[in-house]
N, C-alpha and C. Protein backbone atom coordinates (compact mmCIF):
# COMPACT_ATOMS: atom_id res chain seq x y z
N MET A 1 23.12 2.62 10.00
CA MET A 1 22.21 2.99 8.91
C MET A 1 20.77 3.03 9.44
N SER A 2 20.02 4.09 9.11
CA SER A 2 18.65 4.21 9.59
C SER A 2 17.74 3.29 8.80
N ASP A 3 16.51 3.07 9.34
CA ASP A 3 15.53 2.24 8.64
C ASP A 3 15.19 2.84 7.28
N ILE A 4 15.10 4.17 7.21
CA ILE A 4 14.77 4.84 5.95
C ILE A 4 15.87 4.62 4.92
N ASP A 5 17.13 4.75 5.36
CA ASP A 5 18.25 4.55 4.44
C ASP A 5 18.27 3.10 3.93
N ALA A 6 18.05 2.15 4.84
CA ALA A 6 18.05 0.74 4.44
C ALA A 6 16.93 0.46 3.45
N THR A 7 15.77 1.05 3.69
CA THR A 7 14.64 0.84 2.78
C THR A 7 14.93 1.41 1.40
N GLN A 8 15.49 2.61 1.37
CA GLN A 8 15.80 3.23 0.08
C GLN A 8 16.84 2.42 -0.70
N GLN A 9 17.89 1.96 -0.01
CA GLN A 9 18.91 1.18 -0.70
C GLN A 9 18.33 -0.14 -1.23
N PHE A 10 17.50 -0.79 -0.42
CA PHE A 10 16.93 -2.07 -0.81
C PHE A 10 16.06 -1.91 -2.05
N TYR A 11 15.13 -0.96 -2.02
CA TYR A 11 14.20 -0.83 -3.13
C TYR A 11 14.81 -0.16 -4.35
N THR A 12 15.89 0.57 -4.16
CA THR A 12 16.64 1.07 -5.31
C THR A 12 17.25 -0.09 -6.08
N ARG A 13 17.76 -1.05 -5.35
CA ARG A 13 18.41 -2.21 -5.96
C ARG A 13 17.41 -3.14 -6.64
N TRP A 14 16.18 -3.23 -6.08
CA TRP A 14 15.22 -4.21 -6.57
C TRP A 14 14.01 -3.58 -7.26
N ALA A 15 14.11 -2.33 -7.67
CA ALA A 15 12.95 -1.63 -8.25
C ALA A 15 12.37 -2.35 -9.47
N LYS A 16 13.22 -2.79 -10.39
CA LYS A 16 12.72 -3.43 -11.60
C LYS A 16 12.07 -4.77 -11.30
N ALA A 17 12.70 -5.56 -10.43
CA ALA A 17 12.12 -6.85 -10.07
C ALA A 17 10.80 -6.64 -9.32
N TYR A 18 10.75 -5.62 -8.48
CA TYR A 18 9.53 -5.31 -7.75
C TYR A 18 8.39 -5.00 -8.71
N ASP A 19 8.67 -4.25 -9.75
CA ASP A 19 7.62 -3.87 -10.70
C ASP A 19 7.06 -5.10 -11.40
N ARG A 20 7.92 -6.05 -11.76
CA ARG A 20 7.43 -7.27 -12.42
C ARG A 20 6.54 -8.07 -11.48
N LEU A 21 6.92 -8.14 -10.21
CA LEU A 21 6.10 -8.86 -9.24
C LEU A 21 4.79 -8.12 -8.96
N ALA A 22 4.88 -6.79 -8.83
CA ALA A 22 3.72 -5.98 -8.47
C ALA A 22 2.62 -6.00 -9.52
N THR A 23 2.98 -6.28 -10.77
CA THR A 23 2.00 -6.27 -11.85
C THR A 23 1.66 -7.67 -12.36
N ALA A 24 2.09 -8.71 -11.63
CA ALA A 24 1.76 -10.08 -12.01
C ALA A 24 0.24 -10.25 -11.97
N PRO A 25 -0.31 -11.14 -12.82
CA PRO A 25 -1.77 -11.25 -12.94
C PRO A 25 -2.52 -11.43 -11.63
N GLY A 26 -2.08 -12.34 -10.76
CA GLY A 26 -2.79 -12.55 -9.50
C GLY A 26 -2.76 -11.34 -8.61
N ILE A 27 -1.60 -10.73 -8.49
CA ILE A 27 -1.47 -9.54 -7.65
C ILE A 27 -2.26 -8.38 -8.23
N ARG A 28 -2.30 -8.30 -9.56
CA ARG A 28 -3.08 -7.24 -10.20
C ARG A 28 -4.56 -7.35 -9.84
N SER A 29 -5.08 -8.56 -9.72
CA SER A 29 -6.50 -8.72 -9.36
C SER A 29 -6.75 -8.28 -7.93
N TRP A 30 -5.79 -8.49 -7.03
CA TRP A 30 -5.95 -8.03 -5.65
C TRP A 30 -5.97 -6.51 -5.60
N ARG A 31 -5.13 -5.91 -6.39
CA ARG A 31 -5.09 -4.44 -6.43
C ARG A 31 -6.41 -3.88 -6.96
N GLU A 32 -6.93 -4.49 -7.99
CA GLU A 32 -8.22 -4.06 -8.55
C GLU A 32 -9.32 -4.16 -7.50
N ARG A 33 -9.31 -5.25 -6.75
CA ARG A 33 -10.33 -5.44 -5.72
C ARG A 33 -10.23 -4.37 -4.65
N LEU A 34 -9.02 -4.02 -4.23
CA LEU A 34 -8.87 -3.01 -3.19
C LEU A 34 -9.36 -1.65 -3.68
N VAL A 35 -9.04 -1.31 -4.91
CA VAL A 35 -9.51 -0.03 -5.47
C VAL A 35 -11.03 -0.01 -5.49
N GLU A 36 -11.66 -1.13 -5.78
CA GLU A 36 -13.13 -1.18 -5.79
C GLU A 36 -13.71 -0.83 -4.43
N THR A 37 -13.02 -1.22 -3.34
CA THR A 37 -13.57 -0.95 -2.01
C THR A 37 -13.58 0.54 -1.68
N LEU A 38 -12.81 1.34 -2.40
CA LEU A 38 -12.80 2.79 -2.16
C LEU A 38 -14.06 3.48 -2.69
N SER A 39 -14.79 2.81 -3.57
CA SER A 39 -16.01 3.38 -4.16
C SER A 39 -15.75 4.77 -4.74
N LEU A 40 -14.69 4.88 -5.51
CA LEU A 40 -14.32 6.16 -6.11
C LEU A 40 -15.33 6.58 -7.17
N SER A 41 -15.47 7.89 -7.34
CA SER A 41 -16.36 8.46 -8.35
C SER A 41 -15.54 9.30 -9.32
N PRO A 42 -16.01 9.44 -10.56
CA PRO A 42 -15.32 10.32 -11.51
C PRO A 42 -15.15 11.72 -10.92
N GLY A 43 -13.94 12.25 -11.05
CA GLY A 43 -13.65 13.58 -10.51
C GLY A 43 -13.03 13.56 -9.13
N ASP A 44 -12.97 12.41 -8.46
CA ASP A 44 -12.36 12.32 -7.13
C ASP A 44 -10.84 12.50 -7.19
N THR A 45 -10.28 12.87 -6.06
CA THR A 45 -8.83 12.91 -5.89
C THR A 45 -8.45 11.79 -4.93
N VAL A 46 -7.55 10.92 -5.37
CA VAL A 46 -7.11 9.81 -4.54
C VAL A 46 -5.59 9.86 -4.41
N VAL A 47 -5.11 9.65 -3.20
CA VAL A 47 -3.67 9.68 -2.92
C VAL A 47 -3.21 8.28 -2.54
N GLU A 48 -2.12 7.84 -3.16
CA GLU A 48 -1.55 6.55 -2.81
C GLU A 48 -0.28 6.75 -2.00
N MET A 49 -0.25 6.19 -0.79
CA MET A 49 0.90 6.28 0.10
C MET A 49 1.82 5.10 -0.15
N GLY A 50 3.03 5.40 -0.63
CA GLY A 50 3.95 4.34 -0.99
C GLY A 50 3.57 3.73 -2.32
N CYS A 51 3.56 4.54 -3.35
CA CYS A 51 3.03 4.10 -4.66
C CYS A 51 3.97 3.17 -5.40
N GLY A 52 5.24 3.07 -4.97
CA GLY A 52 6.17 2.21 -5.68
C GLY A 52 6.31 2.62 -7.14
N THR A 53 6.23 1.65 -8.03
CA THR A 53 6.38 1.92 -9.46
C THR A 53 5.06 2.24 -10.14
N GLY A 54 4.02 2.44 -9.35
CA GLY A 54 2.74 2.86 -9.92
C GLY A 54 1.85 1.73 -10.38
N ALA A 55 1.98 0.56 -9.78
CA ALA A 55 1.17 -0.59 -10.21
C ALA A 55 -0.32 -0.36 -10.00
N ASN A 56 -0.68 0.47 -9.04
CA ASN A 56 -2.11 0.76 -8.80
C ASN A 56 -2.66 1.86 -9.70
N PHE A 57 -1.78 2.60 -10.34
CA PHE A 57 -2.23 3.77 -11.11
C PHE A 57 -3.29 3.46 -12.16
N PRO A 58 -3.15 2.41 -12.96
CA PRO A 58 -4.18 2.15 -13.98
C PRO A 58 -5.57 1.97 -13.38
N HIS A 59 -5.65 1.28 -12.25
CA HIS A 59 -6.94 1.02 -11.62
C HIS A 59 -7.50 2.29 -10.99
N LEU A 60 -6.64 3.06 -10.36
CA LEU A 60 -7.08 4.31 -9.73
C LEU A 60 -7.51 5.33 -10.78
N ARG A 61 -6.74 5.44 -11.83
CA ARG A 61 -7.05 6.42 -12.87
C ARG A 61 -8.35 6.06 -13.58
N ARG A 62 -8.57 4.77 -13.80
CA ARG A 62 -9.81 4.33 -14.42
C ARG A 62 -11.01 4.69 -13.54
N ALA A 63 -10.84 4.60 -12.22
CA ALA A 63 -11.94 4.85 -11.30
C ALA A 63 -12.30 6.33 -11.19
N VAL A 64 -11.29 7.21 -11.23
CA VAL A 64 -11.56 8.65 -11.06
C VAL A 64 -11.78 9.35 -12.39
N GLY A 65 -11.41 8.69 -13.50
CA GLY A 65 -11.63 9.27 -14.82
C GLY A 65 -10.69 10.41 -15.12
N PRO A 66 -10.79 10.97 -16.31
CA PRO A 66 -9.91 12.06 -16.72
C PRO A 66 -10.14 13.35 -15.94
N ALA A 67 -11.29 13.47 -15.28
CA ALA A 67 -11.56 14.68 -14.51
C ALA A 67 -11.06 14.58 -13.07
N GLY A 68 -10.68 13.38 -12.66
CA GLY A 68 -10.18 13.19 -11.30
C GLY A 68 -8.67 13.38 -11.25
N GLU A 69 -8.10 13.04 -10.10
CA GLU A 69 -6.66 13.21 -9.92
C GLU A 69 -6.12 12.07 -9.06
N VAL A 70 -4.97 11.55 -9.49
CA VAL A 70 -4.27 10.51 -8.75
C VAL A 70 -2.90 11.06 -8.36
N VAL A 71 -2.56 10.95 -7.08
CA VAL A 71 -1.26 11.42 -6.59
C VAL A 71 -0.56 10.26 -5.91
N GLY A 72 0.64 9.94 -6.37
CA GLY A 72 1.42 8.86 -5.78
C GLY A 72 2.59 9.42 -5.00
N ILE A 73 2.77 8.94 -3.77
CA ILE A 73 3.85 9.39 -2.90
C ILE A 73 4.77 8.21 -2.60
N ASP A 74 6.07 8.41 -2.75
CA ASP A 74 7.04 7.38 -2.41
C ASP A 74 8.37 8.05 -2.06
N LEU A 75 9.18 7.34 -1.28
CA LEU A 75 10.43 7.91 -0.80
C LEU A 75 11.62 7.50 -1.65
N VAL A 76 11.45 6.48 -2.49
CA VAL A 76 12.59 5.91 -3.21
C VAL A 76 12.62 6.42 -4.65
N PRO A 77 13.66 7.17 -5.03
CA PRO A 77 13.73 7.72 -6.38
C PRO A 77 13.60 6.68 -7.48
N ALA A 78 14.21 5.50 -7.29
CA ALA A 78 14.13 4.46 -8.32
C ALA A 78 12.70 3.99 -8.52
N MET A 79 11.95 3.90 -7.45
CA MET A 79 10.55 3.52 -7.55
C MET A 79 9.76 4.61 -8.28
N LEU A 80 9.99 5.85 -7.89
CA LEU A 80 9.28 6.96 -8.52
C LEU A 80 9.62 7.06 -10.00
N GLY A 81 10.87 6.72 -10.35
CA GLY A 81 11.25 6.73 -11.77
C GLY A 81 10.40 5.77 -12.56
N GLY A 82 10.16 4.57 -12.01
CA GLY A 82 9.29 3.61 -12.67
C GLY A 82 7.86 4.11 -12.77
N ALA A 83 7.39 4.78 -11.70
CA ALA A 83 6.03 5.33 -11.71
C ALA A 83 5.89 6.43 -12.76
N GLN A 84 6.90 7.30 -12.84
CA GLN A 84 6.86 8.38 -13.82
C GLN A 84 6.88 7.83 -15.24
N GLN A 85 7.65 6.78 -15.46
CA GLN A 85 7.69 6.15 -16.79
C GLN A 85 6.33 5.56 -17.16
N ARG A 86 5.67 4.94 -16.17
CA ARG A 86 4.34 4.37 -16.42
C ARG A 86 3.35 5.47 -16.80
N VAL A 87 3.41 6.58 -16.10
CA VAL A 87 2.51 7.72 -16.37
C VAL A 87 2.77 8.28 -17.75
N ALA A 88 4.05 8.47 -18.07
CA ALA A 88 4.41 9.05 -19.37
C ALA A 88 3.98 8.15 -20.52
N GLN A 89 4.18 6.85 -20.38
CA GLN A 89 3.83 5.91 -21.44
C GLN A 89 2.32 5.88 -21.67
N ALA A 90 1.56 6.04 -20.60
CA ALA A 90 0.10 6.01 -20.73
C ALA A 90 -0.46 7.37 -21.14
N GLY A 91 0.33 8.43 -21.00
CA GLY A 91 -0.14 9.76 -21.36
C GLY A 91 -1.16 10.33 -20.39
N TRP A 92 -1.07 9.94 -19.13
CA TRP A 92 -2.02 10.44 -18.13
C TRP A 92 -1.60 11.82 -17.64
N GLU A 93 -2.40 12.81 -17.91
CA GLU A 93 -2.06 14.16 -17.46
C GLU A 93 -2.57 14.45 -16.05
N ASN A 94 -3.40 13.59 -15.52
CA ASN A 94 -3.96 13.82 -14.18
C ASN A 94 -3.43 12.85 -13.15
N VAL A 95 -2.28 12.21 -13.45
CA VAL A 95 -1.62 11.32 -12.49
C VAL A 95 -0.25 11.92 -12.18
N HIS A 96 0.02 12.15 -10.91
CA HIS A 96 1.24 12.84 -10.49
C HIS A 96 1.96 12.03 -9.42
N VAL A 97 3.28 12.19 -9.35
CA VAL A 97 4.06 11.52 -8.32
C VAL A 97 4.85 12.56 -7.54
N CYS A 98 5.14 12.21 -6.30
CA CYS A 98 5.83 13.14 -5.40
C CYS A 98 6.76 12.34 -4.50
N ARG A 99 8.00 12.79 -4.38
CA ARG A 99 8.92 12.12 -3.48
C ARG A 99 8.73 12.68 -2.07
N ALA A 100 8.28 11.82 -1.17
CA ALA A 100 8.03 12.24 0.21
C ALA A 100 7.86 10.99 1.08
N ASP A 101 7.93 11.20 2.38
CA ASP A 101 7.69 10.16 3.36
C ASP A 101 6.18 9.97 3.51
N ALA A 102 5.70 8.74 3.30
CA ALA A 102 4.26 8.49 3.37
C ALA A 102 3.69 8.74 4.76
N THR A 103 4.54 8.73 5.78
CA THR A 103 4.05 9.00 7.13
C THR A 103 3.94 10.50 7.40
N GLN A 104 4.50 11.31 6.49
CA GLN A 104 4.41 12.77 6.60
C GLN A 104 4.08 13.34 5.23
N PRO A 105 2.94 12.99 4.69
CA PRO A 105 2.61 13.37 3.30
C PRO A 105 2.38 14.87 3.15
N PRO A 106 2.93 15.45 2.09
CA PRO A 106 2.75 16.89 1.84
C PRO A 106 1.41 17.16 1.13
N ILE A 107 0.35 16.61 1.68
CA ILE A 107 -0.98 16.70 1.09
C ILE A 107 -1.92 17.28 2.13
N GLU A 108 -2.79 18.17 1.69
CA GLU A 108 -3.74 18.78 2.63
C GLU A 108 -5.06 18.03 2.69
N GLU A 109 -5.53 17.51 1.58
CA GLU A 109 -6.80 16.81 1.59
C GLU A 109 -6.94 15.93 0.35
N ALA A 110 -7.82 14.96 0.47
CA ALA A 110 -8.11 14.05 -0.64
C ALA A 110 -9.47 13.41 -0.38
N ASP A 111 -10.05 12.87 -1.44
CA ASP A 111 -11.32 12.17 -1.29
C ASP A 111 -11.12 10.75 -0.79
N ALA A 112 -9.95 10.17 -1.10
CA ALA A 112 -9.65 8.80 -0.68
C ALA A 112 -8.14 8.62 -0.61
N VAL A 113 -7.74 7.65 0.22
CA VAL A 113 -6.32 7.30 0.36
C VAL A 113 -6.21 5.78 0.27
N ILE A 114 -5.17 5.33 -0.41
CA ILE A 114 -4.92 3.89 -0.55
C ILE A 114 -3.45 3.62 -0.27
N SER A 115 -3.16 2.46 0.30
CA SER A 115 -1.77 2.06 0.54
C SER A 115 -1.68 0.55 0.45
N THR A 116 -0.81 0.05 -0.42
CA THR A 116 -0.67 -1.39 -0.59
C THR A 116 0.75 -1.83 -0.27
N PHE A 117 0.86 -2.86 0.57
CA PHE A 117 2.13 -3.47 0.94
C PHE A 117 3.11 -2.46 1.55
N VAL A 118 2.58 -1.56 2.37
CA VAL A 118 3.41 -0.52 2.99
C VAL A 118 3.33 -0.55 4.51
N VAL A 119 2.13 -0.69 5.09
CA VAL A 119 2.00 -0.53 6.54
C VAL A 119 2.87 -1.52 7.31
N GLY A 120 3.16 -2.67 6.74
CA GLY A 120 4.00 -3.64 7.42
C GLY A 120 5.45 -3.24 7.52
N MET A 121 5.86 -2.20 6.79
CA MET A 121 7.24 -1.73 6.84
C MET A 121 7.41 -0.50 7.72
N LEU A 122 6.31 0.02 8.25
CA LEU A 122 6.37 1.24 9.04
C LEU A 122 6.59 0.93 10.52
N GLN A 123 7.39 1.75 11.17
CA GLN A 123 7.65 1.56 12.59
C GLN A 123 6.40 1.80 13.43
N ASN A 124 5.56 2.74 12.99
CA ASN A 124 4.34 3.05 13.73
C ASN A 124 3.17 3.12 12.75
N PRO A 125 2.69 1.98 12.30
CA PRO A 125 1.62 1.96 11.29
C PRO A 125 0.32 2.56 11.80
N SER A 126 0.04 2.43 13.09
CA SER A 126 -1.18 3.00 13.65
C SER A 126 -1.19 4.51 13.51
N ALA A 127 -0.06 5.15 13.80
CA ALA A 127 0.04 6.60 13.65
C ALA A 127 -0.08 7.01 12.20
N ALA A 128 0.46 6.20 11.28
CA ALA A 128 0.35 6.52 9.86
C ALA A 128 -1.10 6.49 9.41
N VAL A 129 -1.85 5.49 9.86
CA VAL A 129 -3.26 5.41 9.52
C VAL A 129 -4.00 6.64 10.03
N GLU A 130 -3.68 7.07 11.24
CA GLU A 130 -4.31 8.27 11.80
C GLU A 130 -3.99 9.49 10.95
N THR A 131 -2.74 9.61 10.52
CA THR A 131 -2.34 10.73 9.66
C THR A 131 -3.11 10.72 8.34
N TRP A 132 -3.26 9.55 7.74
CA TRP A 132 -3.95 9.44 6.46
C TRP A 132 -5.44 9.76 6.61
N LEU A 133 -6.03 9.33 7.70
CA LEU A 133 -7.44 9.62 7.92
C LEU A 133 -7.69 11.12 8.10
N ASP A 134 -6.70 11.82 8.66
CA ASP A 134 -6.83 13.26 8.87
C ASP A 134 -6.91 14.03 7.55
N LEU A 135 -6.49 13.41 6.45
CA LEU A 135 -6.53 14.07 5.14
C LEU A 135 -7.92 13.99 4.51
N LEU A 136 -8.78 13.14 5.06
CA LEU A 136 -10.04 12.84 4.41
C LEU A 136 -11.20 13.63 5.00
N PRO A 137 -12.15 14.00 4.17
CA PRO A 137 -13.37 14.66 4.65
C PRO A 137 -14.33 13.61 5.20
N PRO A 138 -15.39 14.02 5.88
CA PRO A 138 -16.43 13.06 6.28
C PRO A 138 -16.90 12.27 5.06
N GLY A 139 -16.93 10.97 5.19
CA GLY A 139 -17.33 10.13 4.06
C GLY A 139 -16.16 9.64 3.22
N GLY A 140 -14.96 10.23 3.43
CA GLY A 140 -13.79 9.77 2.69
C GLY A 140 -13.36 8.39 3.14
N ARG A 141 -12.70 7.66 2.24
CA ARG A 141 -12.36 6.26 2.54
C ARG A 141 -10.86 6.03 2.47
N LEU A 142 -10.41 5.14 3.35
CA LEU A 142 -9.01 4.69 3.37
C LEU A 142 -8.99 3.18 3.21
N ALA A 143 -8.15 2.69 2.29
CA ALA A 143 -8.01 1.26 2.06
C ALA A 143 -6.54 0.88 2.16
N ILE A 144 -6.26 -0.23 2.86
CA ILE A 144 -4.89 -0.70 3.02
C ILE A 144 -4.83 -2.19 2.69
N MET A 145 -3.64 -2.62 2.28
CA MET A 145 -3.43 -4.03 1.95
C MET A 145 -2.03 -4.42 2.37
N MET A 146 -1.89 -5.67 2.84
CA MET A 146 -0.57 -6.15 3.25
C MET A 146 -0.53 -7.66 3.15
N ALA A 147 0.62 -8.21 2.86
CA ALA A 147 0.81 -9.66 2.88
C ALA A 147 1.10 -10.10 4.31
N GLY A 148 0.77 -11.34 4.63
CA GLY A 148 1.04 -11.88 5.95
C GLY A 148 0.82 -13.38 5.94
N ARG A 149 1.18 -14.03 7.04
CA ARG A 149 0.99 -15.47 7.13
C ARG A 149 -0.48 -15.83 7.08
N SER A 150 -0.78 -16.91 6.41
CA SER A 150 -2.17 -17.35 6.27
C SER A 150 -2.66 -18.01 7.56
N ASP A 151 -3.95 -17.84 7.84
CA ASP A 151 -4.55 -18.47 9.00
C ASP A 151 -5.25 -19.78 8.64
N ARG A 152 -5.08 -20.24 7.44
CA ARG A 152 -5.74 -21.47 7.00
C ARG A 152 -4.86 -22.69 7.31
N ALA A 153 -5.49 -23.72 7.84
CA ALA A 153 -4.75 -24.91 8.28
C ALA A 153 -3.94 -25.53 7.14
N LEU A 154 -4.50 -25.57 5.95
CA LEU A 154 -3.81 -26.20 4.83
C LEU A 154 -2.62 -25.38 4.33
N ALA A 155 -2.49 -24.15 4.83
CA ALA A 155 -1.42 -23.27 4.36
C ALA A 155 -0.15 -23.38 5.20
N ALA A 156 -0.13 -24.28 6.20
CA ALA A 156 1.04 -24.38 7.08
C ALA A 156 2.36 -24.57 6.33
N PRO A 157 2.44 -25.48 5.36
CA PRO A 157 3.71 -25.61 4.62
C PRO A 157 4.07 -24.34 3.86
N MET A 158 3.06 -23.67 3.32
CA MET A 158 3.31 -22.44 2.57
C MET A 158 3.73 -21.30 3.50
N ASN A 159 3.26 -21.33 4.75
CA ASN A 159 3.67 -20.32 5.71
C ASN A 159 5.17 -20.37 5.96
N ALA A 160 5.72 -21.57 5.99
CA ALA A 160 7.16 -21.71 6.18
C ALA A 160 7.92 -21.06 5.02
N LEU A 161 7.44 -21.29 3.81
CA LEU A 161 8.06 -20.65 2.65
C LEU A 161 7.87 -19.14 2.68
N PHE A 162 6.69 -18.71 3.14
CA PHE A 162 6.43 -17.28 3.23
C PHE A 162 7.40 -16.61 4.20
N ARG A 163 7.66 -17.25 5.34
CA ARG A 163 8.60 -16.68 6.31
C ARG A 163 9.97 -16.50 5.70
N LEU A 164 10.42 -17.48 4.92
CA LEU A 164 11.71 -17.35 4.25
C LEU A 164 11.70 -16.23 3.22
N PHE A 165 10.61 -16.17 2.46
CA PHE A 165 10.51 -15.12 1.43
C PHE A 165 10.58 -13.73 2.07
N VAL A 166 9.85 -13.54 3.16
CA VAL A 166 9.83 -12.23 3.82
C VAL A 166 11.19 -11.90 4.38
N ARG A 167 11.86 -12.87 4.97
CA ARG A 167 13.17 -12.59 5.55
C ARG A 167 14.16 -12.11 4.49
N PHE A 168 14.11 -12.72 3.32
CA PHE A 168 15.09 -12.36 2.30
C PHE A 168 14.61 -11.26 1.36
N SER A 169 13.34 -10.86 1.48
CA SER A 169 12.83 -9.81 0.59
C SER A 169 12.50 -8.52 1.36
N SER A 170 12.86 -8.47 2.64
CA SER A 170 12.62 -7.27 3.44
C SER A 170 13.92 -6.53 3.65
N PRO A 171 13.89 -5.19 3.67
CA PRO A 171 15.10 -4.42 3.94
C PRO A 171 15.71 -4.83 5.28
N GLY A 172 16.93 -5.37 5.26
CA GLY A 172 17.59 -5.79 6.49
C GLY A 172 17.02 -7.05 7.11
N GLY A 173 16.08 -7.70 6.43
CA GLY A 173 15.39 -8.84 7.02
C GLY A 173 16.29 -10.03 7.31
N ARG A 174 17.24 -10.31 6.43
CA ARG A 174 18.05 -11.51 6.62
C ARG A 174 18.96 -11.42 7.84
N PHE A 175 19.23 -10.18 8.32
CA PHE A 175 20.10 -10.00 9.48
C PHE A 175 19.33 -9.67 10.75
N SER A 176 18.01 -9.65 10.67
CA SER A 176 17.20 -9.26 11.81
C SER A 176 17.04 -10.40 12.80
N ARG A 177 17.16 -10.09 14.09
CA ARG A 177 16.92 -11.09 15.13
C ARG A 177 15.43 -11.36 15.28
N GLU A 178 14.62 -10.36 15.03
CA GLU A 178 13.18 -10.50 15.07
C GLU A 178 12.69 -11.15 13.79
N SER A 179 11.67 -11.97 13.88
CA SER A 179 11.10 -12.59 12.68
C SER A 179 10.40 -11.52 11.86
N PRO A 180 10.85 -11.25 10.62
CA PRO A 180 10.18 -10.26 9.78
C PRO A 180 8.71 -10.61 9.52
N ALA A 181 8.39 -11.90 9.43
CA ALA A 181 7.00 -12.30 9.20
C ALA A 181 6.13 -11.95 10.40
N GLU A 182 6.65 -12.18 11.61
CA GLU A 182 5.91 -11.82 12.81
C GLU A 182 5.74 -10.31 12.92
N ALA A 183 6.78 -9.57 12.54
CA ALA A 183 6.70 -8.11 12.56
C ALA A 183 5.62 -7.62 11.60
N LEU A 184 5.53 -8.25 10.42
CA LEU A 184 4.49 -7.89 9.46
C LEU A 184 3.10 -8.08 10.07
N ASP A 185 2.91 -9.22 10.73
CA ASP A 185 1.61 -9.51 11.33
C ASP A 185 1.25 -8.48 12.40
N THR A 186 2.23 -8.15 13.24
CA THR A 186 1.97 -7.19 14.32
C THR A 186 1.64 -5.82 13.77
N ARG A 187 2.40 -5.38 12.78
CA ARG A 187 2.17 -4.05 12.22
C ARG A 187 0.86 -3.99 11.45
N TRP A 188 0.51 -5.09 10.80
CA TRP A 188 -0.78 -5.12 10.12
C TRP A 188 -1.91 -4.99 11.13
N ARG A 189 -1.84 -5.72 12.22
CA ARG A 189 -2.90 -5.64 13.23
C ARG A 189 -3.02 -4.23 13.80
N ASP A 190 -1.87 -3.59 14.03
CA ASP A 190 -1.90 -2.22 14.55
C ASP A 190 -2.62 -1.28 13.58
N ALA A 191 -2.28 -1.38 12.29
CA ALA A 191 -2.90 -0.52 11.28
C ALA A 191 -4.38 -0.84 11.12
N ARG A 192 -4.70 -2.12 11.03
CA ARG A 192 -6.10 -2.54 10.85
C ARG A 192 -6.96 -2.13 12.03
N ASP A 193 -6.45 -2.34 13.24
CA ASP A 193 -7.24 -2.01 14.43
C ASP A 193 -7.50 -0.52 14.53
N ARG A 194 -6.52 0.30 14.19
CA ARG A 194 -6.74 1.75 14.22
C ARG A 194 -7.78 2.14 13.17
N LEU A 195 -7.69 1.55 11.99
CA LEU A 195 -8.67 1.84 10.94
C LEU A 195 -10.07 1.42 11.38
N ALA A 196 -10.18 0.26 12.00
CA ALA A 196 -11.48 -0.22 12.46
C ALA A 196 -12.06 0.68 13.54
N THR A 197 -11.20 1.19 14.40
CA THR A 197 -11.65 2.03 15.52
C THR A 197 -12.11 3.40 15.05
N GLU A 198 -11.42 3.96 14.07
CA GLU A 198 -11.64 5.35 13.67
C GLU A 198 -12.63 5.52 12.52
N THR A 199 -13.13 4.43 11.95
CA THR A 199 -13.99 4.56 10.77
C THR A 199 -15.30 3.82 10.95
N THR A 200 -16.21 4.09 10.03
CA THR A 200 -17.47 3.35 9.95
C THR A 200 -17.44 2.52 8.66
N ALA A 201 -18.43 1.68 8.49
CA ALA A 201 -18.51 0.81 7.31
C ALA A 201 -17.19 0.08 7.09
N PHE A 202 -16.58 -0.33 8.19
CA PHE A 202 -15.28 -1.02 8.11
C PHE A 202 -15.46 -2.40 7.51
N GLU A 203 -14.58 -2.75 6.58
CA GLU A 203 -14.60 -4.06 5.95
C GLU A 203 -13.19 -4.61 5.90
N GLN A 204 -13.06 -5.91 6.08
CA GLN A 204 -11.77 -6.55 5.88
C GLN A 204 -11.95 -7.84 5.11
N GLU A 205 -10.89 -8.25 4.43
CA GLU A 205 -11.00 -9.40 3.54
C GLU A 205 -9.67 -10.11 3.46
N ARG A 206 -9.71 -11.41 3.24
CA ARG A 206 -8.50 -12.19 2.99
C ARG A 206 -8.57 -12.74 1.58
N MET A 207 -7.46 -12.66 0.88
CA MET A 207 -7.37 -13.14 -0.49
C MET A 207 -6.09 -13.95 -0.64
N GLY A 208 -5.88 -14.50 -1.83
CA GLY A 208 -4.64 -15.21 -2.09
C GLY A 208 -4.38 -16.32 -1.10
N PHE A 209 -5.39 -17.19 -0.89
CA PHE A 209 -5.27 -18.32 0.03
C PHE A 209 -4.96 -17.85 1.46
N GLY A 210 -5.41 -16.65 1.78
CA GLY A 210 -5.24 -16.12 3.13
C GLY A 210 -3.97 -15.34 3.35
N PHE A 211 -3.10 -15.24 2.35
CA PHE A 211 -1.83 -14.55 2.53
C PHE A 211 -1.94 -13.04 2.30
N ILE A 212 -3.03 -12.58 1.73
CA ILE A 212 -3.22 -11.16 1.47
C ILE A 212 -4.38 -10.65 2.31
N ARG A 213 -4.12 -9.58 3.11
CA ARG A 213 -5.16 -9.01 3.95
C ARG A 213 -5.46 -7.60 3.44
N SER A 214 -6.71 -7.25 3.42
CA SER A 214 -7.09 -5.89 3.05
C SER A 214 -8.13 -5.38 4.03
N ALA A 215 -8.20 -4.08 4.17
CA ALA A 215 -9.18 -3.44 5.05
C ALA A 215 -9.51 -2.07 4.50
N CYS A 216 -10.75 -1.66 4.71
CA CYS A 216 -11.20 -0.36 4.22
C CYS A 216 -12.22 0.20 5.18
N GLY A 217 -12.20 1.52 5.39
CA GLY A 217 -13.16 2.16 6.26
C GLY A 217 -13.47 3.55 5.80
N ARG A 218 -14.61 4.09 6.29
CA ARG A 218 -15.08 5.41 5.89
C ARG A 218 -15.02 6.35 7.10
N VAL A 219 -14.56 7.57 6.86
CA VAL A 219 -14.53 8.58 7.91
C VAL A 219 -15.97 8.93 8.30
N PRO A 220 -16.30 8.92 9.59
CA PRO A 220 -17.68 9.19 10.01
C PRO A 220 -18.18 10.54 9.51
N GLU A 221 -19.45 10.58 9.13
CA GLU A 221 -20.04 11.82 8.63
C GLU A 221 -20.78 12.53 9.75
C-alpha cells in the first residue's frame, strides 16, 4: 500500500473525530493566530493546502471578506465532505474545495497560502514549500503549522505521551520502525528551513506549551 493510500484510508476512517479535535477551543486559537500572520486583506485569494474538514475556513473567510476567495485542497474525500458541509451550512459563496494532492496543487496563483498540520506527513516537505511559494507574487505570504515535541524542560513527561499519541494517530504509525515523532520533527525542520531561506520577514513561533510550531514568510519583492 502506498503512503497516499494509507493516508486516505486513515483519514477516511477518522474524519469525524478529526473535525472535533481540529475545532477544539485551544486548537482554534492557534489557527486564528496563524491566519493573523498572513496579514490578509479584504479581496485577497488564499489557498489552504490540506484543508481537512475546513477548520480554518471561518478564520480565512473572515480575513478576506465576501469579496475575497478561499480555496481548500485535500486528497481525502471524507475530509472534503466535511469541508463542503461546513461551507454549505455557513452559506459562503466564495469558499471552494478541490480534491487534489497538496504537493501538486491545480492552482496558478494566490495572494497567500496556508497549511496546518500537513508538512509533517509529506515525504518531501521542503519541495512542497517551494511549490507553494511558486504560486505567490512578490509580497505574498506562506504560513505553516505543525505539532512536534516540546523543547521545554518541564514538558519531558508530556513528550512521552506525545510520542505515543503520534504513533497511534499517524497513518501506519503504530507499525513503523521509525519514530513517527522524530519524523515529524525532521520534516518540520525541512519545511521551516526552506521557508526561512526563500522568504523575507520570516517569523516563527511556539505555542501550546511548545508542542505547536508555526512559521510564516513573505516572498521577496
